[in-house]
Amino acid sequence: MDTVFTYVPGESFLHELNPLTVFLGAFIICIAAAVSVNIPFVTGLIVAQLCLAAIAGSQEFRKSVKLMLGLGSLALIVLVLQVIFVRTGTVFAQLGPLLITSDGLISGVLVVLKVVAMVLPLSIAFMVQPINSLANELVSKCHLPYKYAFTVTTAIRFIPLFMEEMSGIMEAQKARGVQFDTGNIFKKFSLMVPLTVPLLVSSVKKTDAIAIGAELRGFNLRTSASAYQQHRIGAVDIVSVVVSVALLAAAILSNIL
């Protein structure tokens, strides 16, 4: 299943970077977005990430825009909650006990922008670097035990599989007359809960199949020397990390100034 976290082959400089550099930079940018309380700075981070996605390729850019649009419903809920519970600042409107204030709107917009700015870098990282390369680098350079690296990468690889499985189950239920397109969010949630049982059964079967396949391929014999592909750390990688750290420093300074 092609999702926003699926690897897309390409020839951009992001594809040529060391996988550790890409994911380290993504995490640093996530931290920068989390600590910043400056709306223009967080907006600038989002624009910069969209530019990087465009540099990586047209497909990466389309997926990044699709991800932003997909976060729209969550962003709307967060914005409404912030407007309801933040009651300080200039009052713009009042509907009974509900107050719409300037601080509530600013806080809501900031949280929405933060969510987008923290999700985009990780999605771009997964689109420009294969998950197997990340596992190899964690084992060879970070000396992480292969079992742990395999566990992390397998869990990430399961995400699109579970999404595809859930989509298939929902289509089967729709064919039986279940209406998931209801506007009542509580009713929709109650309809989704029973779907977790067949999804859980399917996930257990997939886990058993992967475990058997791994044992047959000598899983317990894997070491740091088993990686078939080596990635070097070059000057571009160092510059990329320095730029990411500079962005984190700028996020902290933007809160002070």
Foldseek 3Di string as FASTA:
>chain_A
DDALLAADDADFVLLQAQLVLLVLLLVLQLLLLVLFLDLVLLVVLLVVLLVVLVRRHPVNNVNLVVVLVVCVVVLVVQLVVLQQPDADADFPDDDPPRTGHPRSNSVSSSVSSSVSSNPSSNSSSSHSYPLVSVLLCCCQPVVDWSVVSVVVSVVVVCVVVLVVVLVVVVVVVVVVPDDLPDPDPVVNVVVCVVSVVVSVVVVVVVVVVVVVVCVVVPVVPDHSVPDPDDRDHDPVSVVSVVVSVVSSVVSVVNVVD
